[in-house]
Structures are given as structure tokens and as C-alpha cells.
Amino acid sequence: MSQENVDAVREVMALLNRITRGSDPGAERDLDAERDLLERISPEVRIDMSRRVFNPDVYEGYVGLARLGREIGDVWADFRITPTQFVDAGDRVVVMETRAARGAGSGVEVEQHAAVIWTLRAGRVVCMETDFDPQEALAAVGLGE
């Protein structure tokens, strides 16, 4: 089942990028991507961003996911995540990623490298834990030294 989990995370990440790319308030929403995303994410999803330096928070359920999307749109004119490596850890997948964004007000471009632990059940995302150091993330799923 773990390769299916890696594939599911790839799909979810692609959908998230479709939804968050170009957060121009006048841009048309990608309703197909939003619908497909909700089919791949559990209604009880927990997005733990408590390790973020700025605005640490935990987002729960579809309401939390929508709040996170609004926050991204408020801050970033463009926001995208590029996965650089997927590590299969059974019901969890560790993704090494590069995040690139352009500030909505400032136009400043930023880039960050981090690892995210995704947990899946029955093929749906139930948890995302962000902003790990790659070695920390691997250790957290039992693959570190």
C-alpha cells in the first residue's frame, strides 16, 4: 500500500499547487482541483504547522484547510511547492520540498527547504506535519539513524 500512499501524496501536492498558484483575488477558482483535493483528504485532516517560525498554528478539518488557503492567499501573490524527494514510510510519506513564494504586498521572493510528514489512512491524507529538518523527519518515521 505504501507506493499508493506516495502516489496519493504526489497527487495532493499537485492539486494544492493548482489551487494556491497565483493567489490573485480576481483569479478564477479551480473548482475541479478543489473537489479532487477534498476527495483525497480526510474531513478530519490535521495540518500541524506549529514548527513554523512565523505564525505557528494547527489547522483542523476542511474548515482549517480553507483557513490555511485564505492565509496563503492573503500573504503570497504566488506560492508553490516543489517536491524534491519522496520517502516511503508505510502509512507515512516524508517529502523533501522547496517552497517558493512572492509576497502579495512587497513582491519579495523567498525560498525555503523543508521536510513534511504526511500520514494516510485508506488512501486519504489524515495528517501533515510541516517544517522539519530532513533528518528530523526521517527519524520521526523511524528511518533516521
C-alpha atoms as a PDB file:
ATOM      1  CA  MET A   1       0.000   0.000   0.000  1.00  0.00           C
ATOM      2  CA  SER A   2       2.927   2.370   0.546  1.00  0.00           C
ATOM      3  CA  GLN A   3       3.611   3.111  -3.164  1.00  0.00           C
ATOM      4  CA  GLU A   4      -0.067   4.026  -3.403  1.00  0.00           C
ATOM      5  CA  ASN A   5       0.485   6.425  -0.497  1.00  0.00           C
ATOM      6  CA  VAL A   6       3.440   8.046  -2.274  1.00  0.00           C
ATOM      7  CA  ASP A   7       1.298   8.415  -5.405  1.00  0.00           C
ATOM      8  CA  ALA A   8      -1.567   9.875  -3.348  1.00  0.00           C
ATOM      9  CA  VAL A   9       0.744  12.480  -1.782  1.00  0.00           C
ATOM     10  CA  ARG A  10       2.077  13.405  -5.244  1.00  0.00           C
ATOM     11  CA  GLU A  11      -1.494  13.952  -6.433  1.00  0.00           C
ATOM     12  CA  VAL A  12      -2.453  16.021  -3.381  1.00  0.00           C
ATOM     13  CA  MET A  13       0.654  18.194  -3.751  1.00  0.00           C
ATOM     14  CA  ALA A  14      -0.119  18.793  -7.438  1.00  0.00           C
ATOM     15  CA  LEU A  15      -3.689  19.780  -6.556  1.00  0.00           C
ATOM     16  CA  LEU A  16      -2.527  22.118  -3.784  1.00  0.00           C
ATOM     17  CA  ASN A  17      -0.172  23.821  -6.235  1.00  0.00           C
ATOM     18  CA  ARG A  18      -3.026  24.259  -8.739  1.00  0.00           C
ATOM     19  CA  ILE A  19      -5.165  25.863  -6.051  1.00  0.00           C
ATOM     20  CA  THR A  20      -2.545  28.132  -4.449  1.00  0.00           C
ATOM     21  CA  ARG A  21      -0.603  29.211  -7.555  1.00  0.00           C
ATOM     22  CA  GLY A  22      -1.281  32.829  -8.362  1.00  0.00           C
ATOM     23  CA  SER A  23      -3.479  33.882  -5.464  1.00  0.00           C
ATOM     24  CA  ASP A  24      -4.717  36.984  -7.320  1.00  0.00           C
ATOM     25  CA  PRO A  25      -8.086  37.897  -5.750  1.00  0.00           C
ATOM     26  CA  GLY A  26      -9.542  38.351  -9.253  1.00  0.00           C
ATOM     27  CA  ALA A  27      -8.365  34.936 -10.448  1.00  0.00           C
ATOM     28  CA  GLU A  28     -10.964  32.297 -11.153  1.00  0.00           C
ATOM     29  CA  ARG A  29     -11.068  29.451  -8.615  1.00  0.00           C
ATOM     30  CA  ASP A  30     -10.133  25.990  -9.849  1.00  0.00           C
ATOM     31  CA  LEU A  31     -13.249  24.220  -8.590  1.00  0.00           C
ATOM     32  CA  ASP A  32     -12.250  20.899 -10.180  1.00  0.00           C
ATOM     33  CA  ALA A  33      -8.948  20.910  -8.281  1.00  0.00           C
ATOM     34  CA  GLU A  34     -10.718  21.849  -5.039  1.00  0.00           C
ATOM     35  CA  ARG A  35     -13.214  18.986  -5.449  1.00  0.00           C
ATOM     36  CA  ASP A  36     -10.460  16.493  -6.298  1.00  0.00           C
ATOM     37  CA  LEU A  37      -8.440  17.658  -3.296  1.00  0.00           C
ATOM     38  CA  LEU A  38     -11.320  17.080  -0.879  1.00  0.00           C
ATOM     39  CA  GLU A  39     -11.726  13.532  -2.230  1.00  0.00           C
ATOM     40  CA  ARG A  40      -8.101  12.802  -1.272  1.00  0.00           C
ATOM     41  CA  ILE A  41      -8.073  14.473   2.150  1.00  0.00           C
ATOM     42  CA  SER A  42      -9.974  13.236   5.188  1.00  0.00           C
ATOM     43  CA  PRO A  43     -12.609  15.593   6.622  1.00  0.00           C
ATOM     44  CA  GLU A  44     -10.740  15.195   9.941  1.00  0.00           C
ATOM     45  CA  VAL A  45      -7.366  16.208   8.479  1.00  0.00           C
ATOM     46  CA  ARG A  46      -4.888  17.806  10.885  1.00  0.00           C
ATOM     47  CA  ILE A  47      -2.269  20.151   9.440  1.00  0.00           C
ATOM     48  CA  ASP A  48       0.378  20.776  12.083  1.00  0.00           C
ATOM     49  CA  MET A  49       2.396  23.863  11.221  1.00  0.00           C
ATOM     50  CA  SER A  50       3.429  24.517  14.820  1.00  0.00           C
ATOM     51  CA  ARG A  51       7.125  24.338  13.837  1.00  0.00           C
ATOM     52  CA  ARG A  52       6.863  27.404  11.583  1.00  0.00           C
ATOM     53  CA  VAL A  53       8.941  30.331  12.735  1.00  0.00           C
ATOM     54  CA  PHE A  54       6.244  32.849  11.808  1.00  0.00           C
ATOM     55  CA  ASN A  55       2.599  32.262  12.702  1.00  0.00           C
ATOM     56  CA  PRO A  56       2.866  28.694  14.033  1.00  0.00           C
ATOM     57  CA  ASP A  57      -0.562  27.079  14.033  1.00  0.00           C
ATOM     58  CA  VAL A  58      -2.517  23.839  13.706  1.00  0.00           C
ATOM     59  CA  TYR A  59      -5.359  23.610  11.172  1.00  0.00           C
ATOM     60  CA  GLU A  60      -8.077  21.012  11.635  1.00  0.00           C
ATOM     61  CA  GLY A  61     -10.652  19.630   9.216  1.00  0.00           C
ATOM     62  CA  TYR A  62     -11.863  21.167   5.999  1.00  0.00           C
ATOM     63  CA  VAL A  63     -12.510  24.432   7.849  1.00  0.00           C
ATOM     64  CA  GLY A  64      -8.859  24.565   8.880  1.00  0.00           C
ATOM     65  CA  LEU A  65      -7.721  23.692   5.364  1.00  0.00           C
ATOM     66  CA  ALA A  66      -9.837  26.547   3.970  1.00  0.00           C
ATOM     67  CA  ARG A  67      -8.431  28.930   6.603  1.00  0.00           C
ATOM     68  CA  LEU A  68      -4.885  27.952   5.651  1.00  0.00           C
ATOM     69  CA  GLY A  69      -5.706  28.569   1.982  1.00  0.00           C
ATOM     70  CA  ARG A  70      -7.051  32.052   2.794  1.00  0.00           C
ATOM     71  CA  GLU A  71      -3.948  32.859   4.841  1.00  0.00           C
ATOM     72  CA  ILE A  72      -1.682  31.817   1.976  1.00  0.00           C
ATOM     73  CA  GLY A  73      -3.711  33.973  -0.422  1.00  0.00           C
ATOM     74  CA  ASP A  74      -3.543  36.958   1.936  1.00  0.00           C
ATOM     75  CA  VAL A  75       0.246  36.821   2.242  1.00  0.00           C
ATOM     76  CA  TRP A  76       1.507  35.468  -1.085  1.00  0.00           C
ATOM     77  CA  ALA A  77       0.860  36.612  -4.651  1.00  0.00           C
ATOM     78  CA  ASP A  78       2.372  33.333  -5.814  1.00  0.00           C
ATOM     79  CA  PHE A  79       3.086  30.239  -3.742  1.00  0.00           C
ATOM     80  CA  ARG A  80       4.337  26.892  -4.993  1.00  0.00           C
ATOM     81  CA  ILE A  81       5.877  23.764  -3.553  1.00  0.00           C
ATOM     82  CA  THR A  82       8.267  21.580  -5.493  1.00  0.00           C
ATOM     83  CA  PRO A  83       8.876  18.121  -4.067  1.00  0.00           C
ATOM     84  CA  THR A  84      12.485  17.010  -4.423  1.00  0.00           C
ATOM     85  CA  GLN A  85      12.235  13.566  -2.816  1.00  0.00           C
ATOM     86  CA  PHE A  86       9.534  11.198  -1.583  1.00  0.00           C
ATOM     87  CA  VAL A  87      10.442   8.683   1.108  1.00  0.00           C
ATOM     88  CA  ASP A  88       8.068   5.777   1.640  1.00  0.00           C
ATOM     89  CA  ALA A  89       7.491   5.044   5.322  1.00  0.00           C
ATOM     90  CA  GLY A  90       4.460   2.754   5.177  1.00  0.00           C
ATOM     91  CA  ASP A  91       1.370   4.712   6.200  1.00  0.00           C
ATOM     92  CA  ARG A  92       3.523   7.853   6.195  1.00  0.00           C
ATOM     93  CA  VAL A  93       5.407   9.606   3.429  1.00  0.00           C
ATOM     94  CA  VAL A  94       8.235  12.046   4.042  1.00  0.00           C
ATOM     95  CA  VAL A  95       8.538  14.707   1.364  1.00  0.00           C
ATOM     96  CA  MET A  96      11.617  16.860   0.979  1.00  0.00           C
ATOM     97  CA  GLU A  97      10.460  20.046  -0.671  1.00  0.00           C
ATOM     98  CA  THR A  98      11.366  23.506  -1.844  1.00  0.00           C
ATOM     99  CA  ARG A  99       8.815  26.248  -1.276  1.00  0.00           C
ATOM    100  CA  ALA A 100       8.997  29.377  -3.392  1.00  0.00           C
ATOM    101  CA  ALA A 101       6.746  32.373  -2.961  1.00  0.00           C
ATOM    102  CA  ARG A 102       6.353  36.037  -3.867  1.00  0.00           C
ATOM    103  CA  GLY A 103       4.911  38.413  -1.291  1.00  0.00           C
ATOM    104  CA  ALA A 104       1.497  39.882  -2.118  1.00  0.00           C
ATOM    105  CA  GLY A 105       2.294  43.369  -0.893  1.00  0.00           C
ATOM    106  CA  SER A 106       6.056  43.527  -1.156  1.00  0.00           C
ATOM    107  CA  GLY A 107       6.755  41.432  -4.232  1.00  0.00           C
ATOM    108  CA  VAL A 108       9.717  39.955  -2.331  1.00  0.00           C
ATOM    109  CA  GLU A 109      10.605  36.430  -3.440  1.00  0.00           C
ATOM    110  CA  VAL A 110      11.530  33.809  -0.847  1.00  0.00           C
ATOM    111  CA  GLU A 111      12.613  30.200  -0.948  1.00  0.00           C
ATOM    112  CA  GLN A 112      12.663  27.599   1.817  1.00  0.00           C
ATOM    113  CA  HIS A 113      13.726  23.960   2.003  1.00  0.00           C
ATOM    114  CA  ALA A 114      11.927  21.704   4.460  1.00  0.00           C
ATOM    115  CA  ALA A 115      10.516  18.244   5.024  1.00  0.00           C
ATOM    116  CA  VAL A 116       6.889  17.332   5.593  1.00  0.00           C
ATOM    117  CA  ILE A 117       5.494  14.132   7.084  1.00  0.00           C
ATOM    118  CA  TRP A 118       2.221  13.050   5.505  1.00  0.00           C
ATOM    119  CA  THR A 119       0.093  10.372   7.206  1.00  0.00           C
ATOM    120  CA  LEU A 120      -2.514   8.470   5.205  1.00  0.00           C
ATOM    121  CA  ARG A 121      -5.324   6.068   6.058  1.00  0.00           C
ATOM    122  CA  ALA A 122      -7.306   4.224   3.416  1.00  0.00           C
ATOM    123  CA  GLY A 123      -5.579   6.301   0.752  1.00  0.00           C
ATOM    124  CA  ARG A 124      -6.605   9.677   2.220  1.00  0.00           C
ATOM    125  CA  VAL A 125      -4.429  12.266   3.940  1.00  0.00           C
ATOM    126  CA  VAL A 126      -5.240  12.446   7.654  1.00  0.00           C
ATOM    127  CA  CYS A 127      -2.255  14.483   8.864  1.00  0.00           C
ATOM    128  CA  MET A 128       0.508  16.758   7.583  1.00  0.00           C
ATOM    129  CA  GLU A 129       3.339  17.845   9.871  1.00  0.00           C
ATOM    130  CA  THR A 130       5.473  20.588   8.351  1.00  0.00           C
ATOM    131  CA  ASP A 131       8.756  22.414   8.697  1.00  0.00           C
ATOM    132  CA  PHE A 132      11.013  19.578   9.746  1.00  0.00           C
ATOM    133  CA  ASP A 133      14.710  19.348   9.096  1.00  0.00           C
ATOM    134  CA  PRO A 134      15.031  16.374   6.683  1.00  0.00           C
ATOM    135  CA  GLN A 135      16.973  14.209   9.178  1.00  0.00           C
ATOM    136  CA  GLU A 136      14.456  15.034  11.909  1.00  0.00           C
ATOM    137  CA  ALA A 137      11.574  13.965   9.665  1.00  0.00           C
ATOM    138  CA  LEU A 138      13.256  10.670   8.778  1.00  0.00           C
ATOM    139  CA  ALA A 139      13.962   9.957  12.453  1.00  0.00           C
ATOM    140  CA  ALA A 140      10.337  10.760  13.348  1.00  0.00           C
ATOM    141  CA  VAL A 141       9.122   7.997  11.000  1.00  0.00           C
ATOM    142  CA  GLY A 142      11.744   5.508  12.194  1.00  0.00           C
ATOM    143  CA  LEU A 143      14.116   5.835   9.236  1.00  0.00           C
ATOM    144  CA  GLY A 144      16.800   8.023  10.808  1.00  0.00           C
ATOM    145  CA  GLU A 145      19.980   6.930  12.481  1.00  0.00           C
END
